[in-house]
Amino acid sequence: MAPTPSSTSSAIILNINGEKHQLTVDHRTTLLDALRERLDLTGTKKGCDQGQCGACTVLVDGRRAVSCLNLAVAAEGREITTIEGVAEGDRLHPVQQAFLDLDGYQCGYCTPGQICSAVAVIEEHAAGWPSAATGDVRPEAGPPPLTPDEIRERMSGNLCRCGAYVSIVQAVARAAEAHEAAARVDQDETVKETVA
């Protein structure tokens, strides 16, 4: 049974990986600590605890967030995806598969945050969001090619102390190609349905 809320705590419901979790938390509890210590979702890692390393990256409403700098009470009503929720059942997400195939990890500690970040990077790129490495940021220019420089810039908030960056960039590029191919197939099927 959850403790009774007080003036310094609140009863909240967090929607994590499609499941609702009710808990009472101190107002100062970070989303990271709620995930790891209260809900036993330990895939999200605590690295620097200052928002600088990216090990605790999760998706909040589809966008990247360092969970060590977000309060759990502020996440109520938002859709949170942790590394445990990235795969579809037993089928790995294309980013996870690319990291596995291309050795985009060494010790693995930063890998959950890297993968969550990469999932968002691919979506941001597909939506046409520019980065600091983008040469032409005009909307009519469309998404820039997802070059290694673009990937490195977009993933720069996630540190790998082992130095697996070359493989990480290759994994993100491969997953982005798979995402683009899937989008083309979906578009072709939509066109066929419209014509029929």
Protein backbone atom coordinates (compact mmCIF):
# COMPACT_ATOMS: atom_id res chain seq x y z
CA MET A 1 0.00 0.00 0.00
CA ALA A 2 1.32 3.43 -0.98
CA PRO A 3 2.08 5.89 1.82
CA THR A 4 -0.38 8.72 2.37
CA PRO A 5 0.61 11.95 0.57
CA SER A 6 1.82 14.82 2.74
CA SER A 7 2.76 18.44 2.08
CA THR A 8 6.08 17.21 0.67
CA SER A 9 4.83 14.21 -1.33
CA SER A 10 2.17 13.41 -3.90
CA ALA A 11 0.35 10.35 -5.14
CA ILE A 12 1.00 10.13 -8.88
CA ILE A 13 0.31 7.79 -11.75
CA LEU A 14 3.14 7.29 -14.23
CA ASN A 15 2.46 5.82 -17.67
CA ILE A 16 5.62 3.83 -18.37
CA ASN A 17 6.01 1.52 -21.36
CA GLY A 18 2.24 1.43 -21.77
CA GLU A 19 1.52 0.46 -18.17
CA LYS A 20 0.20 2.73 -15.43
CA HIS A 21 2.05 2.74 -12.10
CA GLN A 22 0.60 4.43 -9.03
CA LEU A 23 3.02 5.55 -6.34
CA THR A 24 3.54 8.23 -3.73
CA VAL A 25 6.75 10.16 -4.16
CA ASP A 26 8.55 12.98 -2.43
CA HIS A 27 8.27 16.10 -4.60
CA ARG A 28 12.06 16.08 -5.01
CA THR A 29 12.22 12.53 -6.39
CA THR A 30 13.69 12.45 -9.87
CA LEU A 31 12.11 10.39 -12.60
CA LEU A 32 15.34 8.35 -12.67
CA ASP A 33 15.07 7.46 -8.99
CA ALA A 34 11.37 6.64 -9.31
CA LEU A 35 12.13 4.31 -12.23
CA ARG A 36 15.07 2.54 -10.62
CA GLU A 37 14.29 2.56 -6.91
CA ARG A 38 10.51 2.52 -6.79
CA LEU A 39 9.52 0.62 -9.95
CA ASP A 40 12.56 -1.66 -10.37
CA LEU A 41 13.08 -0.52 -13.98
CA THR A 42 16.85 -0.63 -13.73
CA GLY A 43 17.65 -0.55 -17.44
CA THR A 44 17.85 3.24 -17.20
CA LYS A 45 21.28 3.93 -15.72
CA LYS A 46 22.47 6.52 -13.23
CA GLY A 47 25.72 7.96 -14.51
CA CYS A 48 26.65 11.50 -13.58
CA ASP A 49 23.30 12.43 -11.95
CA GLN A 50 23.84 15.94 -13.39
CA GLY A 51 22.36 15.64 -16.89
CA GLN A 52 25.73 15.57 -18.62
CA CYS A 53 26.35 11.94 -19.63
CA GLY A 54 23.03 10.76 -21.10
CA ALA A 55 23.11 7.34 -19.42
CA CYS A 56 19.64 7.99 -17.96
CA THR A 57 18.02 9.04 -21.25
CA VAL A 58 14.41 7.97 -21.66
CA LEU A 59 11.67 9.06 -24.04
CA VAL A 60 8.97 11.36 -22.67
CA ASP A 61 6.13 11.80 -25.16
CA GLY A 62 8.55 10.53 -27.81
CA ARG A 63 11.25 13.09 -27.08
CA ARG A 64 14.58 12.55 -25.35
CA ALA A 65 14.84 13.45 -21.69
CA VAL A 66 17.58 12.93 -19.14
CA SER A 67 15.57 11.41 -16.33
CA CYS A 68 18.01 12.55 -13.62
CA LEU A 69 16.95 16.18 -14.24
CA ASN A 70 13.21 15.57 -14.48
CA LEU A 71 11.02 15.29 -11.42
CA ALA A 72 8.71 12.29 -11.21
CA VAL A 73 5.73 14.51 -10.31
CA ALA A 74 6.28 16.49 -13.53
CA ALA A 75 6.11 13.29 -15.59
CA GLU A 76 2.57 12.46 -14.53
CA GLY A 77 0.25 12.34 -17.54
CA ARG A 78 3.15 11.92 -19.96
CA GLU A 79 4.01 8.79 -21.94
CA ILE A 80 7.38 7.51 -20.74
CA THR A 81 9.37 4.90 -22.65
CA THR A 82 12.40 3.32 -21.04
CA ILE A 83 14.81 0.84 -22.59
CA GLU A 84 12.54 -1.94 -21.29
CA GLY A 85 9.74 -0.64 -23.54
CA VAL A 86 11.65 -0.01 -26.77
CA ALA A 87 11.34 -3.54 -28.20
CA GLU A 88 8.06 -4.89 -29.51
CA GLY A 89 7.61 -8.03 -27.45
CA ASP A 90 10.43 -10.42 -28.34
CA ARG A 91 11.31 -8.46 -31.50
CA LEU A 92 14.12 -5.98 -30.99
CA HIS A 93 13.69 -2.40 -32.15
CA PRO A 94 15.78 -1.75 -35.30
CA VAL A 95 18.10 0.46 -33.22
CA GLN A 96 18.65 -2.33 -30.70
CA GLN A 97 19.30 -4.81 -33.51
CA ALA A 98 21.79 -2.45 -35.18
CA PHE A 99 23.66 -1.92 -31.89
CA LEU A 100 23.83 -5.69 -31.48
CA ASP A 101 24.89 -6.39 -35.07
CA LEU A 102 27.54 -3.65 -35.20
CA ASP A 103 28.92 -3.91 -31.64
CA GLY A 104 27.64 -0.45 -30.68
CA TYR A 105 28.60 -1.08 -27.08
CA GLN A 106 31.47 -2.31 -24.96
CA CYS A 107 30.73 -2.39 -21.24
CA GLY A 108 27.06 -1.67 -22.00
CA TYR A 109 26.48 0.82 -19.21
CA CYS A 110 25.63 3.75 -21.50
CA THR A 111 23.85 1.57 -24.08
CA PRO A 112 20.25 1.96 -22.80
CA GLY A 113 20.57 5.75 -22.93
CA GLN A 114 22.34 5.60 -26.29
CA ILE A 115 19.54 3.46 -27.74
CA CYS A 116 16.73 5.65 -26.39
CA SER A 117 18.53 8.71 -27.72
CA ALA A 118 19.08 7.10 -31.13
CA VAL A 119 15.39 6.20 -31.42
CA ALA A 120 14.53 9.87 -30.91
CA VAL A 121 17.34 11.09 -33.19
CA ILE A 122 15.95 9.05 -36.08
CA GLU A 123 12.44 10.42 -35.52
CA GLU A 124 13.73 14.00 -35.18
CA HIS A 125 15.72 13.65 -38.41
CA ALA A 126 12.75 12.15 -40.28
CA ALA A 127 10.62 15.09 -39.11
CA GLY A 128 13.16 17.50 -40.61
CA TRP A 129 14.60 18.91 -37.42
CA PRO A 130 18.02 20.48 -38.04
CA SER A 131 21.05 20.05 -35.82
CA ALA A 132 24.06 22.27 -35.16
CA ALA A 133 25.81 20.34 -37.97
CA THR A 134 23.05 20.98 -40.52
CA GLY A 135 24.28 23.19 -43.36
CA ASP A 136 20.91 24.41 -44.66
CA VAL A 137 18.31 24.80 -41.93
CA ARG A 138 15.53 26.23 -44.11
CA PRO A 139 12.38 24.07 -43.84
CA GLU A 140 12.08 23.81 -47.62
CA ALA A 141 15.56 22.23 -47.71
CA GLY A 142 14.10 19.13 -46.06
CA PRO A 143 16.01 16.75 -43.82
CA PRO A 144 19.75 16.82 -44.41
CA PRO A 145 21.51 13.56 -45.23
CA LEU A 146 22.13 11.65 -42.03
CA THR A 147 25.91 11.74 -42.37
CA PRO A 148 28.30 10.58 -39.65
CA ASP A 149 28.81 14.25 -38.69
CA GLU A 150 25.04 14.73 -38.32
CA ILE A 151 24.76 11.57 -36.22
CA ARG A 152 27.69 12.54 -34.00
CA GLU A 153 26.19 15.99 -33.39
CA ARG A 154 22.72 14.65 -32.70
CA MET A 155 24.06 11.97 -30.32
CA SER A 156 26.54 14.30 -28.58
CA GLY A 157 24.55 14.35 -25.33
CA ASN A 158 25.32 10.67 -24.78
CA LEU A 159 28.82 9.81 -23.63
CA CYS A 160 30.49 6.42 -23.96
CA ARG A 161 33.46 6.13 -21.65
CA CYS A 162 34.62 2.97 -23.46
CA GLY A 163 34.85 4.87 -26.74
CA ALA A 164 32.51 2.77 -28.90
CA TYR A 165 31.56 5.87 -30.90
CA VAL A 166 32.50 4.52 -34.34
CA SER A 167 30.20 1.54 -33.93
CA ILE A 168 27.45 3.67 -32.37
CA VAL A 169 27.44 6.02 -35.37
CA GLN A 170 27.32 3.03 -37.74
CA ALA A 171 24.45 1.48 -35.76
CA VAL A 172 22.41 4.70 -35.81
CA ALA A 173 23.01 5.04 -39.57
CA ARG A 174 21.87 1.46 -40.20
CA ALA A 175 18.75 1.87 -38.06
CA ALA A 176 17.93 5.15 -39.82
CA GLU A 177 18.16 3.39 -43.19
CA ALA A 178 15.77 0.70 -41.92
CA HIS A 179 13.41 3.40 -40.66
CA GLU A 180 13.45 5.17 -44.04
CA ALA A 181 12.83 1.89 -45.88
CA ALA A 182 9.88 1.07 -43.61
CA ALA A 183 8.47 4.57 -44.14
CA ARG A 184 8.69 4.11 -47.94
CA VAL A 185 6.86 0.76 -47.70
CA ASP A 186 4.13 2.34 -45.55
CA GLN A 187 3.79 5.21 -48.02
CA ASP A 188 3.56 2.81 -50.98
CA GLU A 189 0.85 0.77 -49.21
CA THR A 190 -1.10 3.94 -48.42
CA VAL A 191 -0.93 4.98 -52.08
CA LYS A 192 -2.11 1.51 -53.22
CA GLU A 193 -5.04 1.62 -50.77
CA THR A 194 -5.99 5.12 -51.97
CA VAL A 195 -5.90 4.06 -55.64
CA ALA A 196 -7.87 0.87 -54.98
